[in-house]
Every structure is written in C-alpha cells, then in structure tokens.
Amino acid sequence: MENNPGFEPGGVLLLDKAAGWTSFDVVAQIRKLFGTKKVGHAGTLDPMATGVLPVLIGRATKLEPFLVEHRKKYRATLRLGLTTDTGDITGTVLRQCDALPSADEVIRVSRAFSGTILQTPPMYSALKVNGQKLVDLARAGKTVERKPRPVEIYDLEIRPTERKEAFELTVSCGKGTYIRTLCEDIGSRLGCGGTMEALRRLEVTPFSIEECVTLDRLKEMSPSDRSARLLSPQKCLPHLPLVEVNDFQAALAQNGVSLRQEKIGVSLHEGQQVLVTDTHKNLICISKAAQDESGQPLLKPLCIWKVK
C-alpha cells in the first residue's frame, strides 16, 4: 500500500474465514495486518461458519451498501431429529426425535422451500430491533416478536449422506436468508425437527471461495503481497456499467456535484447505478441516475471514491 501523506488505501480482501472466528475477530486481525482502523465486512458469518467473507479496507468501507445485496451460495449440513435454541448445533438441545423420515420424503418436502418463501429471523442473529441486536437479547434470556419476511431461494439441492439423520444442502439465495432457519423449517415441516450442523459460504456474487485467502496464509505474506490481494471497486462491482467523463466533469463529480446525463452522452433509466471514471479509467464515484426538480436526467454521486 502507498505511504503518501494523506493517502488512504482501499480495496476489498476476499477472506476464507475459519471456524471459531467471529466477523469482529477477523476485522481486528485485519486492522493489525494492514495498519488501518478503517476495516469492515460485507455479510456477517457466524463463528461456526466458514467461507467467503469480503473484508472492506480503507476507502472500500464505503462499498458495503453495494455488496450486501448480492446473491450468496452456501453448503450446509442439515441434522434431522434435533432442535436447538440457536437453530444450529452449538445451541442447547430443546427436543430430540428418533422417528426420522425417509430420504425420498426429505427431498420431496425440501422442494417446497424454493422461490420466494417466508422466514422468521432467528433470535440468535445480528438483526437489530429497536437498536438492539437480537442475539444480545437472546443471550439475556429475552425473546421479542419477529415478523416473517420474504426471502429468495434461487436454487436448493439436497442430498443424503452416509448418516441417516444428516443431509447436505447447497443453497443459492438472496439477501437476508438464514440457512439455519431454513434447516429448522425443513425439519419442522417433516415433523422431526432439524438444526444446522455445519455451514460454509461458497460464493458472494461475484466472489467465489476459490478466490479467497485464509487468515493464516495472509499472516505469512509480505505487506506488498497482502496489498496486491485488494480488489478495486471495478472488480467488485462488474455488473455496474462504466461511464467515462472528462476532467472537468470528473472534478465536479469528485466534489459531489450531480452531472447532467445529456452533457456526458448517456441516457439511463432512473435508479440505475454506474461507475463514473475519468479518461484514464480511474474510478471517481458510484452514481445513480436521477432527476432534478424540473425532470432533467442527472447522475447523482452516491459514493465518492477518488482521493483529492
């Protein structure tokens, strides 16, 4: 990373999180390795979970709102015949059931959990209600009402394992989906109960587990090699079109000024997001197509990237 006075490094690090670490633990380690306090992450992983965790460093902490909406893919182990207070194997056992359904019945019932489904967020989650995390309330012995909300399950595959009570789930889903709630709901529908025994995040679109580095490997690297792993917004947001502007327009956008679409030769539908670059392909900002009070189409900066 550069050492120029006033320079703020920034980029997205793709980490393969190990089991036992909280996302907060990871952030603390990354702060030490990169020498900056400005570190965040996109998409929390529970301590027992492993896999893809995009870590946002420096200026890249601004990108969090643009990354959390992305599709995710998980591989999980569903344990039937067991219900816990946390929805996963780490919790206190509430109920056990020895009468397990056949593999064919499990597969048949699981098919109903594709598409748009309703999920009730678990108490043991980072979701906030009235400013408090549900998990903190749960640990204090409190339960609050949570309303079911729609989530998207784009694809769900379920396969039996060598253990009658265990099934492997591969799930592609949208924002806000809880895989342990999915495991619980499948078990409940089957009548025997269920809990999540293991979880690994394989993808956070457009990132895959193959692109990730472990924390142990990162610690072995030189500072320059670590910095080389930081991804730019252009690589993190490949679905957003590039809009190139001249130096004068770039200076305006860099100062938060909206640009008239006709002046930069584009015509975008309202709400569309784009990456605005200068003539050297350097990112200036992430902007959104909008209108002024007279209906004039504009590009409104949402996130200024380029350092002045």
C-alpha atoms as a PDB file:
ATOM      1  CA  MET A   1       0.000   0.000   0.000  1.00  0.00           C
ATOM      2  CA  GLU A   2       1.107   3.539  -0.689  1.00  0.00           C
ATOM      3  CA  ASN A   3       2.675   5.693   2.007  1.00  0.00           C
ATOM      4  CA  ASN A   4       1.995   9.095   0.500  1.00  0.00           C
ATOM      5  CA  PRO A   5       0.884  11.656   3.094  1.00  0.00           C
ATOM      6  CA  GLY A   6      -2.905  11.793   3.166  1.00  0.00           C
ATOM      7  CA  PHE A   7      -3.275   8.669   1.046  1.00  0.00           C
ATOM      8  CA  GLU A   8      -5.955   6.307   2.264  1.00  0.00           C
ATOM      9  CA  PRO A   9      -5.523   2.771   0.940  1.00  0.00           C
ATOM     10  CA  GLY A  10      -8.636   0.945  -0.064  1.00  0.00           C
ATOM     11  CA  GLY A  11      -9.801  -2.327  -1.505  1.00  0.00           C
ATOM     12  CA  VAL A  12     -11.753  -5.499  -0.872  1.00  0.00           C
ATOM     13  CA  LEU A  13      -9.989  -8.535   0.555  1.00  0.00           C
ATOM     14  CA  LEU A  14     -11.585 -11.923  -0.068  1.00  0.00           C
ATOM     15  CA  LEU A  15     -11.078 -13.981   3.065  1.00  0.00           C
ATOM     16  CA  ASP A  16     -11.818 -17.645   3.683  1.00  0.00           C
ATOM     17  CA  LYS A  17     -12.986 -17.354   7.289  1.00  0.00           C
ATOM     18  CA  ALA A  18     -12.102 -20.226   9.587  1.00  0.00           C
ATOM     19  CA  ALA A  19     -14.487 -21.774  12.106  1.00  0.00           C
ATOM     20  CA  GLY A  20     -14.386 -20.303  15.597  1.00  0.00           C
ATOM     21  CA  TRP A  21     -13.766 -16.721  14.491  1.00  0.00           C
ATOM     22  CA  THR A  22     -16.408 -14.008  14.702  1.00  0.00           C
ATOM     23  CA  SER A  23     -16.525 -11.410  11.948  1.00  0.00           C
ATOM     24  CA  PHE A  24     -15.403  -8.888  14.591  1.00  0.00           C
ATOM     25  CA  ASP A  25     -12.362 -11.084  15.397  1.00  0.00           C
ATOM     26  CA  VAL A  26     -11.445 -11.066  11.712  1.00  0.00           C
ATOM     27  CA  VAL A  27     -11.735  -7.275  11.487  1.00  0.00           C
ATOM     28  CA  ALA A  28      -9.408  -6.882  14.494  1.00  0.00           C
ATOM     29  CA  GLN A  29      -6.770  -9.092  12.857  1.00  0.00           C
ATOM     30  CA  ILE A  30      -7.005  -7.296   9.518  1.00  0.00           C
ATOM     31  CA  ARG A  31      -6.567  -3.913  11.218  1.00  0.00           C
ATOM     32  CA  LYS A  32      -3.233  -5.087  12.580  1.00  0.00           C
ATOM     33  CA  LEU A  33      -2.046  -6.637   9.317  1.00  0.00           C
ATOM     34  CA  PHE A  34      -2.911  -3.618   7.156  1.00  0.00           C
ATOM     35  CA  GLY A  35      -2.165  -0.917   9.718  1.00  0.00           C
ATOM     36  CA  THR A  36      -5.517   0.836   9.485  1.00  0.00           C
ATOM     37  CA  LYS A  37      -8.514   1.176  11.776  1.00  0.00           C
ATOM     38  CA  LYS A  38     -10.872   1.574   8.853  1.00  0.00           C
ATOM     39  CA  VAL A  39     -11.958  -2.033   8.266  1.00  0.00           C
ATOM     40  CA  GLY A  40     -15.410  -3.550   7.831  1.00  0.00           C
ATOM     41  CA  HIS A  41     -17.026  -6.527   6.156  1.00  0.00           C
ATOM     42  CA  ALA A  42     -19.945  -7.339   3.880  1.00  0.00           C
ATOM     43  CA  GLY A  43     -22.232 -10.077   5.163  1.00  0.00           C
ATOM     44  CA  THR A  44     -21.707 -11.427   8.675  1.00  0.00           C
ATOM     45  CA  LEU A  45     -20.715 -15.060   9.208  1.00  0.00           C
ATOM     46  CA  ASP A  46     -21.464 -16.831  12.488  1.00  0.00           C
ATOM     47  CA  PRO A  47     -18.453 -18.161  14.424  1.00  0.00           C
ATOM     48  CA  MET A  48     -19.196 -21.782  13.428  1.00  0.00           C
ATOM     49  CA  ALA A  49     -19.453 -20.868   9.739  1.00  0.00           C
ATOM     50  CA  THR A  50     -16.561 -20.807   7.282  1.00  0.00           C
ATOM     51  CA  GLY A  51     -16.012 -19.458   3.791  1.00  0.00           C
ATOM     52  CA  VAL A  52     -16.259 -16.283   1.756  1.00  0.00           C
ATOM     53  CA  LEU A  53     -16.092 -13.084   3.812  1.00  0.00           C
ATOM     54  CA  PRO A  54     -15.459  -9.874   1.829  1.00  0.00           C
ATOM     55  CA  VAL A  55     -13.395  -7.610   4.094  1.00  0.00           C
ATOM     56  CA  LEU A  56     -13.545  -3.887   3.295  1.00  0.00           C
ATOM     57  CA  ILE A  57     -10.356  -1.947   3.936  1.00  0.00           C
ATOM     58  CA  GLY A  58      -9.853   1.830   3.966  1.00  0.00           C
ATOM     59  CA  ARG A  59     -11.974   3.656   1.419  1.00  0.00           C
ATOM     60  CA  ALA A  60     -13.628   0.361   0.475  1.00  0.00           C
ATOM     61  CA  THR A  61     -15.749   0.515   3.645  1.00  0.00           C
ATOM     62  CA  LYS A  62     -17.916   2.848   1.559  1.00  0.00           C
ATOM     63  CA  LEU A  63     -18.775  -0.079  -0.721  1.00  0.00           C
ATOM     64  CA  GLU A  64     -20.672  -2.079   1.910  1.00  0.00           C
ATOM     65  CA  PRO A  65     -24.175  -0.973   0.776  1.00  0.00           C
ATOM     66  CA  PHE A  66     -23.366  -2.021  -2.800  1.00  0.00           C
ATOM     67  CA  LEU A  67     -22.131  -5.513  -1.840  1.00  0.00           C
ATOM     68  CA  VAL A  68     -24.668  -6.756   0.730  1.00  0.00           C
ATOM     69  CA  GLU A  69     -27.434  -7.041  -1.874  1.00  0.00           C
ATOM     70  CA  HIS A  70     -25.596  -9.739  -3.794  1.00  0.00           C
ATOM     71  CA  ARG A  71     -26.611 -13.364  -4.232  1.00  0.00           C
ATOM     72  CA  LYS A  72     -24.924 -15.891  -1.953  1.00  0.00           C
ATOM     73  CA  LYS A  73     -24.297 -19.615  -2.154  1.00  0.00           C
ATOM     74  CA  TYR A  74     -23.890 -21.931   0.826  1.00  0.00           C
ATOM     75  CA  ARG A  75     -23.212 -25.577   1.586  1.00  0.00           C
ATOM     76  CA  ALA A  76     -24.776 -26.701   4.854  1.00  0.00           C
ATOM     77  CA  THR A  77     -25.420 -29.880   6.795  1.00  0.00           C
ATOM     78  CA  LEU A  78     -28.996 -30.372   7.978  1.00  0.00           C
ATOM     79  CA  ARG A  79     -29.256 -32.562  11.068  1.00  0.00           C
ATOM     80  CA  LEU A  80     -32.721 -34.057  11.451  1.00  0.00           C
ATOM     81  CA  GLY A  81     -34.250 -35.221  14.727  1.00  0.00           C
ATOM     82  CA  LEU A  82     -32.661 -32.419  16.734  1.00  0.00           C
ATOM     83  CA  THR A  83     -33.934 -28.958  17.681  1.00  0.00           C
ATOM     84  CA  THR A  84     -31.812 -26.358  19.493  1.00  0.00           C
ATOM     85  CA  ASP A  85     -32.399 -22.875  20.869  1.00  0.00           C
ATOM     86  CA  THR A  86     -29.949 -21.301  18.389  1.00  0.00           C
ATOM     87  CA  GLY A  87     -31.009 -23.218  15.290  1.00  0.00           C
ATOM     88  CA  ASP A  88     -27.543 -24.739  14.972  1.00  0.00           C
ATOM     89  CA  ILE A  89     -25.534 -27.494  16.586  1.00  0.00           C
ATOM     90  CA  THR A  90     -23.844 -25.127  19.071  1.00  0.00           C
ATOM     91  CA  GLY A  91     -27.078 -24.432  20.948  1.00  0.00           C
ATOM     92  CA  THR A  92     -28.880 -26.094  23.820  1.00  0.00           C
ATOM     93  CA  VAL A  93     -30.908 -29.120  22.731  1.00  0.00           C
ATOM     94  CA  LEU A  94     -34.634 -28.490  23.120  1.00  0.00           C
ATOM     95  CA  ARG A  95     -36.021 -31.630  21.519  1.00  0.00           C
ATOM     96  CA  GLN A  96     -34.863 -34.935  20.079  1.00  0.00           C
ATOM     97  CA  CYS A  97     -36.764 -37.275  17.786  1.00  0.00           C
ATOM     98  CA  ASP A  98     -35.740 -40.790  16.748  1.00  0.00           C
ATOM     99  CA  ALA A  99     -38.527 -41.252  14.171  1.00  0.00           C
ATOM    100  CA  LEU A 100     -36.831 -39.945  11.023  1.00  0.00           C
ATOM    101  CA  PRO A 101     -38.408 -39.692   7.564  1.00  0.00           C
ATOM    102  CA  SER A 102     -37.044 -41.461   4.504  1.00  0.00           C
ATOM    103  CA  ALA A 103     -34.543 -39.719   2.220  1.00  0.00           C
ATOM    104  CA  ASP A 104     -37.195 -39.514  -0.517  1.00  0.00           C
ATOM    105  CA  GLU A 105     -39.581 -37.731   1.862  1.00  0.00           C
ATOM    106  CA  VAL A 106     -36.874 -35.266   2.942  1.00  0.00           C
ATOM    107  CA  ILE A 107     -36.073 -34.429  -0.676  1.00  0.00           C
ATOM    108  CA  ARG A 108     -39.761 -34.089  -1.591  1.00  0.00           C
ATOM    109  CA  VAL A 109     -40.532 -31.732   1.302  1.00  0.00           C
ATOM    110  CA  SER A 110     -37.401 -29.643   0.720  1.00  0.00           C
ATOM    111  CA  ARG A 111     -38.524 -28.785  -2.809  1.00  0.00           C
ATOM    112  CA  ALA A 112     -41.256 -26.584  -1.328  1.00  0.00           C
ATOM    113  CA  PHE A 113     -38.572 -24.235   0.009  1.00  0.00           C
ATOM    114  CA  SER A 114     -37.530 -22.846  -3.384  1.00  0.00           C
ATOM    115  CA  GLY A 115     -38.546 -19.485  -4.814  1.00  0.00           C
ATOM    116  CA  THR A 116     -39.933 -16.720  -2.602  1.00  0.00           C
ATOM    117  CA  ILE A 117     -40.560 -18.061   0.896  1.00  0.00           C
ATOM    118  CA  LEU A 118     -41.317 -16.521   4.277  1.00  0.00           C
ATOM    119  CA  GLN A 119     -38.738 -16.729   7.057  1.00  0.00           C
ATOM    120  CA  THR A 120     -38.914 -15.555  10.651  1.00  0.00           C
ATOM    121  CA  PRO A 121     -35.473 -14.161  11.619  1.00  0.00           C
ATOM    122  CA  PRO A 122     -33.897 -16.173  14.457  1.00  0.00           C
ATOM    123  CA  MET A 123     -33.313 -14.631  17.867  1.00  0.00           C
ATOM    124  CA  TYR A 124     -29.658 -15.622  17.610  1.00  0.00           C
ATOM    125  CA  SER A 125     -28.835 -13.210  14.779  1.00  0.00           C
ATOM    126  CA  ALA A 126     -27.201  -9.821  14.257  1.00  0.00           C
ATOM    127  CA  LEU A 127     -30.503  -8.310  13.117  1.00  0.00           C
ATOM    128  CA  LYS A 128     -31.442  -5.244  15.170  1.00  0.00           C
ATOM    129  CA  VAL A 129     -34.832  -4.484  16.716  1.00  0.00           C
ATOM    130  CA  ASN A 130     -35.224  -1.025  18.267  1.00  0.00           C
ATOM    131  CA  GLY A 131     -31.454  -0.567  18.063  1.00  0.00           C
ATOM    132  CA  GLN A 132     -30.600  -3.830  19.841  1.00  0.00           C
ATOM    133  CA  LYS A 133     -29.176  -6.966  18.262  1.00  0.00           C
ATOM    134  CA  LEU A 134     -31.473  -9.948  18.597  1.00  0.00           C
ATOM    135  CA  VAL A 135     -28.544 -12.124  19.682  1.00  0.00           C
ATOM    136  CA  ASP A 136     -27.829  -9.808  22.630  1.00  0.00           C
ATOM    137  CA  LEU A 137     -31.458 -10.002  23.710  1.00  0.00           C
ATOM    138  CA  ALA A 138     -31.431 -13.786  23.324  1.00  0.00           C
ATOM    139  CA  ARG A 139     -28.330 -14.112  25.493  1.00  0.00           C
ATOM    140  CA  ALA A 140     -30.090 -12.043  28.127  1.00  0.00           C
ATOM    141  CA  GLY A 141     -32.950 -14.534  28.092  1.00  0.00           C
ATOM    142  CA  LYS A 142     -35.338 -12.233  26.231  1.00  0.00           C
ATOM    143  CA  THR A 143     -37.490 -13.052  23.216  1.00  0.00           C
ATOM    144  CA  VAL A 144     -39.133 -10.420  21.020  1.00  0.00           C
ATOM    145  CA  GLU A 145     -41.717 -10.784  18.309  1.00  0.00           C
ATOM    146  CA  ARG A 146     -40.280 -11.097  14.799  1.00  0.00           C
ATOM    147  CA  LYS A 147     -42.463 -10.869  11.751  1.00  0.00           C
ATOM    148  CA  PRO A 148     -41.946 -13.352   8.898  1.00  0.00           C
ATOM    149  CA  ARG A 149     -40.426 -11.714   5.848  1.00  0.00           C
ATOM    150  CA  PRO A 150     -39.948 -12.823   2.253  1.00  0.00           C
ATOM    151  CA  VAL A 151     -36.562 -14.146   1.130  1.00  0.00           C
ATOM    152  CA  GLU A 152     -35.441 -15.602  -2.182  1.00  0.00           C
ATOM    153  CA  ILE A 153     -34.173 -19.166  -2.580  1.00  0.00           C
ATOM    154  CA  TYR A 154     -32.940 -19.293  -6.169  1.00  0.00           C
ATOM    155  CA  ASP A 155     -31.770 -22.876  -6.061  1.00  0.00           C
ATOM    156  CA  LEU A 156     -31.815 -25.619  -3.432  1.00  0.00           C
ATOM    157  CA  GLU A 157     -30.224 -29.043  -3.776  1.00  0.00           C
ATOM    158  CA  ILE A 158     -30.407 -31.637  -1.020  1.00  0.00           C
ATOM    159  CA  ARG A 159     -28.521 -34.910  -0.892  1.00  0.00           C
ATOM    160  CA  PRO A 160     -28.425 -37.707   1.684  1.00  0.00           C
ATOM    161  CA  THR A 161     -25.160 -38.558   3.409  1.00  0.00           C
ATOM    162  CA  GLU A 162     -23.845 -41.749   4.960  1.00  0.00           C
ATOM    163  CA  ARG A 163     -25.693 -40.777   8.151  1.00  0.00           C
ATOM    164  CA  LYS A 164     -29.462 -41.231   8.056  1.00  0.00           C
ATOM    165  CA  GLU A 165     -30.043 -38.076  10.095  1.00  0.00           C
ATOM    166  CA  ALA A 166     -27.759 -35.822   8.034  1.00  0.00           C
ATOM    167  CA  PHE A 167     -28.363 -34.206   4.641  1.00  0.00           C
ATOM    168  CA  GLU A 168     -26.185 -31.862   2.605  1.00  0.00           C
ATOM    169  CA  LEU A 169     -27.849 -28.669   1.386  1.00  0.00           C
ATOM    170  CA  THR A 170     -26.486 -26.468  -1.389  1.00  0.00           C
ATOM    171  CA  VAL A 171     -28.400 -23.194  -1.415  1.00  0.00           C
ATOM    172  CA  SER A 172     -28.256 -20.139  -3.672  1.00  0.00           C
ATOM    173  CA  CYS A 173     -30.191 -17.314  -2.057  1.00  0.00           C
ATOM    174  CA  GLY A 174     -30.747 -13.597  -1.772  1.00  0.00           C
ATOM    175  CA  LYS A 175     -30.109 -11.050   0.946  1.00  0.00           C
ATOM    176  CA  GLY A 176     -31.414 -11.749   4.447  1.00  0.00           C
ATOM    177  CA  THR A 177     -31.751 -15.522   4.110  1.00  0.00           C
ATOM    178  CA  TYR A 178     -30.890 -17.536   7.231  1.00  0.00           C
ATOM    179  CA  ILE A 179     -29.701 -21.028   6.381  1.00  0.00           C
ATOM    180  CA  ARG A 180     -30.200 -22.324   9.922  1.00  0.00           C
ATOM    181  CA  THR A 181     -33.778 -21.077   9.815  1.00  0.00           C
ATOM    182  CA  LEU A 182     -34.150 -22.971   6.543  1.00  0.00           C
ATOM    183  CA  CYS A 183     -32.838 -26.103   8.276  1.00  0.00           C
ATOM    184  CA  GLU A 184     -35.258 -25.577  11.164  1.00  0.00           C
ATOM    185  CA  ASP A 185     -38.210 -25.004   8.855  1.00  0.00           C
ATOM    186  CA  ILE A 186     -37.495 -28.128   6.796  1.00  0.00           C
ATOM    187  CA  GLY A 187     -37.210 -30.179   9.992  1.00  0.00           C
ATOM    188  CA  SER A 188     -40.419 -28.682  11.325  1.00  0.00           C
ATOM    189  CA  ARG A 189     -42.290 -29.437   8.095  1.00  0.00           C
ATOM    190  CA  LEU A 190     -41.072 -33.047   8.324  1.00  0.00           C
ATOM    191  CA  GLY A 191     -42.294 -33.270  11.920  1.00  0.00           C
ATOM    192  CA  CYS A 192     -38.996 -34.458  13.376  1.00  0.00           C
ATOM    193  CA  GLY A 193     -37.258 -31.117  13.872  1.00  0.00           C
ATOM    194  CA  GLY A 194     -33.950 -30.050  12.419  1.00  0.00           C
ATOM    195  CA  THR A 195     -30.896 -27.933  13.079  1.00  0.00           C
ATOM    196  CA  MET A 196     -27.865 -26.737  11.143  1.00  0.00           C
ATOM    197  CA  GLU A 197     -24.780 -28.824  11.822  1.00  0.00           C
ATOM    198  CA  ALA A 198     -22.277 -27.072   9.547  1.00  0.00           C
ATOM    199  CA  LEU A 199     -22.171 -24.088   7.176  1.00  0.00           C
ATOM    200  CA  ARG A 200     -19.736 -22.949   4.505  1.00  0.00           C
ATOM    201  CA  ARG A 201     -20.292 -19.913   2.285  1.00  0.00           C
ATOM    202  CA  LEU A 202     -19.123 -20.743  -1.227  1.00  0.00           C
ATOM    203  CA  GLU A 203     -19.991 -17.535  -3.069  1.00  0.00           C
ATOM    204  CA  VAL A 204     -20.908 -13.894  -2.578  1.00  0.00           C
ATOM    205  CA  THR A 205     -21.534 -12.822  -6.158  1.00  0.00           C
ATOM    206  CA  PRO A 206     -19.208 -12.131  -7.949  1.00  0.00           C
ATOM    207  CA  PHE A 207     -16.716 -13.703  -5.490  1.00  0.00           C
ATOM    208  CA  SER A 208     -16.107 -17.427  -5.039  1.00  0.00           C
ATOM    209  CA  ILE A 209     -14.279 -19.451  -2.409  1.00  0.00           C
ATOM    210  CA  GLU A 210     -11.502 -20.236  -4.905  1.00  0.00           C
ATOM    211  CA  GLU A 211     -10.502 -16.549  -4.889  1.00  0.00           C
ATOM    212  CA  CYS A 212     -10.202 -16.328  -1.103  1.00  0.00           C
ATOM    213  CA  VAL A 213      -7.183 -16.456   1.186  1.00  0.00           C
ATOM    214  CA  THR A 214      -7.074 -17.744   4.752  1.00  0.00           C
ATOM    215  CA  LEU A 215      -6.041 -15.530   7.643  1.00  0.00           C
ATOM    216  CA  ASP A 216      -3.109 -17.839   8.402  1.00  0.00           C
ATOM    217  CA  ARG A 217      -1.826 -17.511   4.828  1.00  0.00           C
ATOM    218  CA  LEU A 218      -2.316 -13.746   4.930  1.00  0.00           C
ATOM    219  CA  LYS A 219      -0.134 -13.508   8.038  1.00  0.00           C
ATOM    220  CA  GLU A 220       2.691 -15.262   6.178  1.00  0.00           C
ATOM    221  CA  MET A 221       2.653 -12.738   3.329  1.00  0.00           C
ATOM    222  CA  SER A 222       4.755  -9.619   2.939  1.00  0.00           C
ATOM    223  CA  PRO A 223       2.911  -6.267   3.198  1.00  0.00           C
ATOM    224  CA  SER A 224       3.199  -5.776  -0.569  1.00  0.00           C
ATOM    225  CA  ASP A 225       1.734  -9.228  -1.275  1.00  0.00           C
ATOM    226  CA  ARG A 226      -1.158  -8.529   1.075  1.00  0.00           C
ATOM    227  CA  SER A 227      -1.863  -5.231  -0.654  1.00  0.00           C
ATOM    228  CA  ALA A 228      -1.770  -6.954  -4.030  1.00  0.00           C
ATOM    229  CA  ARG A 229      -4.796  -9.009  -2.960  1.00  0.00           C
ATOM    230  CA  LEU A 230      -7.000  -5.928  -2.531  1.00  0.00           C
ATOM    231  CA  LEU A 231      -9.626  -5.656  -5.238  1.00  0.00           C
ATOM    232  CA  SER A 232     -10.792  -2.389  -6.759  1.00  0.00           C
ATOM    233  CA  PRO A 233     -14.491  -1.394  -6.948  1.00  0.00           C
ATOM    234  CA  GLN A 234     -14.404  -2.100 -10.700  1.00  0.00           C
ATOM    235  CA  LYS A 235     -13.589  -5.759  -9.967  1.00  0.00           C
ATOM    236  CA  CYS A 236     -16.049  -5.965  -7.085  1.00  0.00           C
ATOM    237  CA  LEU A 237     -18.965  -4.442  -8.998  1.00  0.00           C
ATOM    238  CA  PRO A 238     -18.583  -5.824 -12.545  1.00  0.00           C
ATOM    239  CA  HIS A 239     -22.345  -5.649 -13.120  1.00  0.00           C
ATOM    240  CA  LEU A 240     -22.298  -1.840 -12.979  1.00  0.00           C
ATOM    241  CA  PRO A 241     -21.688  -0.076 -16.334  1.00  0.00           C
ATOM    242  CA  LEU A 242     -18.738   2.283 -16.718  1.00  0.00           C
ATOM    243  CA  VAL A 243     -19.380   5.911 -17.648  1.00  0.00           C
ATOM    244  CA  GLU A 244     -16.314   7.910 -18.684  1.00  0.00           C
ATOM    245  CA  VAL A 245     -16.267  11.687 -18.159  1.00  0.00           C
ATOM    246  CA  ASN A 246     -13.793  14.449 -18.992  1.00  0.00           C
ATOM    247  CA  ASP A 247     -11.509  16.103 -16.438  1.00  0.00           C
ATOM    248  CA  PHE A 248     -13.890  18.973 -15.707  1.00  0.00           C
ATOM    249  CA  GLN A 249     -16.842  16.651 -15.163  1.00  0.00           C
ATOM    250  CA  ALA A 250     -14.685  14.337 -13.067  1.00  0.00           C
ATOM    251  CA  ALA A 251     -13.738  17.233 -10.780  1.00  0.00           C
ATOM    252  CA  LEU A 252     -17.409  18.125 -10.342  1.00  0.00           C
ATOM    253  CA  ALA A 253     -18.400  14.531  -9.533  1.00  0.00           C
ATOM    254  CA  GLN A 254     -15.473  14.215  -7.142  1.00  0.00           C
ATOM    255  CA  ASN A 255     -16.915  17.159  -5.219  1.00  0.00           C
ATOM    256  CA  GLY A 256     -20.362  15.576  -5.038  1.00  0.00           C
ATOM    257  CA  VAL A 257     -21.925  17.544  -7.899  1.00  0.00           C
ATOM    258  CA  SER A 258     -24.589  15.788  -9.977  1.00  0.00           C
ATOM    259  CA  LEU A 259     -23.860  15.615 -13.707  1.00  0.00           C
ATOM    260  CA  ARG A 260     -26.422  16.179 -16.436  1.00  0.00           C
ATOM    261  CA  GLN A 261     -26.754  12.997 -18.450  1.00  0.00           C
ATOM    262  CA  GLU A 262     -27.023  14.809 -21.777  1.00  0.00           C
ATOM    263  CA  LYS A 263     -23.702  16.560 -21.111  1.00  0.00           C
ATOM    264  CA  ILE A 264     -21.873  13.236 -20.748  1.00  0.00           C
ATOM    265  CA  GLY A 265     -23.698  11.486 -23.563  1.00  0.00           C
ATOM    266  CA  VAL A 266     -25.699   8.874 -21.663  1.00  0.00           C
ATOM    267  CA  SER A 267     -29.378   8.096 -21.203  1.00  0.00           C
ATOM    268  CA  LEU A 268     -30.051   5.869 -18.197  1.00  0.00           C
ATOM    269  CA  HIS A 269     -33.260   4.735 -16.555  1.00  0.00           C
ATOM    270  CA  GLU A 270     -33.972   6.254 -13.156  1.00  0.00           C
ATOM    271  CA  GLY A 271     -32.323   4.393 -10.288  1.00  0.00           C
ATOM    272  CA  GLN A 272     -29.655   2.707 -12.413  1.00  0.00           C
ATOM    273  CA  GLN A 273     -26.228   2.713 -10.783  1.00  0.00           C
ATOM    274  CA  VAL A 274     -22.965   3.221 -12.695  1.00  0.00           C
ATOM    275  CA  LEU A 275     -19.239   3.571 -12.082  1.00  0.00           C
ATOM    276  CA  VAL A 276     -18.041   7.025 -13.159  1.00  0.00           C
ATOM    277  CA  THR A 277     -14.412   7.087 -14.314  1.00  0.00           C
ATOM    278  CA  ASP A 278     -12.056   9.722 -15.676  1.00  0.00           C
ATOM    279  CA  THR A 279     -10.352   9.456 -19.066  1.00  0.00           C
ATOM    280  CA  HIS A 280      -7.612   7.303 -17.528  1.00  0.00           C
ATOM    281  CA  LYS A 281     -10.179   4.739 -16.300  1.00  0.00           C
ATOM    282  CA  ASN A 282      -9.674   5.795 -12.666  1.00  0.00           C
ATOM    283  CA  LEU A 283     -12.842   5.456 -10.617  1.00  0.00           C
ATOM    284  CA  ILE A 284     -14.275   8.768  -9.459  1.00  0.00           C
ATOM    285  CA  CYS A 285     -17.528   7.685  -7.845  1.00  0.00           C
ATOM    286  CA  ILE A 286     -20.513   5.392  -7.894  1.00  0.00           C
ATOM    287  CA  SER A 287     -23.514   7.324  -9.154  1.00  0.00           C
ATOM    288  CA  LYS A 288     -27.227   6.780  -9.627  1.00  0.00           C
ATOM    289  CA  ALA A 289     -29.471   8.021 -12.399  1.00  0.00           C
ATOM    290  CA  ALA A 290     -31.977  10.513 -11.011  1.00  0.00           C
ATOM    291  CA  GLN A 291     -33.910  13.650 -11.958  1.00  0.00           C
ATOM    292  CA  ASP A 292     -33.814  17.207 -10.714  1.00  0.00           C
ATOM    293  CA  GLU A 293     -36.929  19.184  -9.791  1.00  0.00           C
ATOM    294  CA  SER A 294     -37.594  20.022 -13.444  1.00  0.00           C
ATOM    295  CA  GLY A 295     -37.284  16.403 -14.567  1.00  0.00           C
ATOM    296  CA  GLN A 296     -33.802  16.839 -16.029  1.00  0.00           C
ATOM    297  CA  PRO A 297     -31.945  13.450 -16.045  1.00  0.00           C
ATOM    298  CA  LEU A 298     -28.865  13.525 -13.822  1.00  0.00           C
ATOM    299  CA  LEU A 299     -26.143  11.278 -12.488  1.00  0.00           C
ATOM    300  CA  LYS A 300     -26.102  11.746  -8.729  1.00  0.00           C
ATOM    301  CA  PRO A 301     -22.945  10.663  -6.824  1.00  0.00           C
ATOM    302  CA  LEU A 302     -23.665   8.078  -4.118  1.00  0.00           C
ATOM    303  CA  CYS A 303     -20.137   7.146  -3.111  1.00  0.00           C
ATOM    304  CA  ILE A 304     -17.041   9.274  -3.818  1.00  0.00           C
ATOM    305  CA  TRP A 305     -14.008   7.036  -4.362  1.00  0.00           C
ATOM    306  CA  LYS A 306     -11.148   9.090  -5.777  1.00  0.00           C
ATOM    307  CA  VAL A 307      -8.919  10.815  -3.225  1.00  0.00           C
ATOM    308  CA  LYS A 308      -8.427  14.511  -3.913  1.00  0.00           C
END
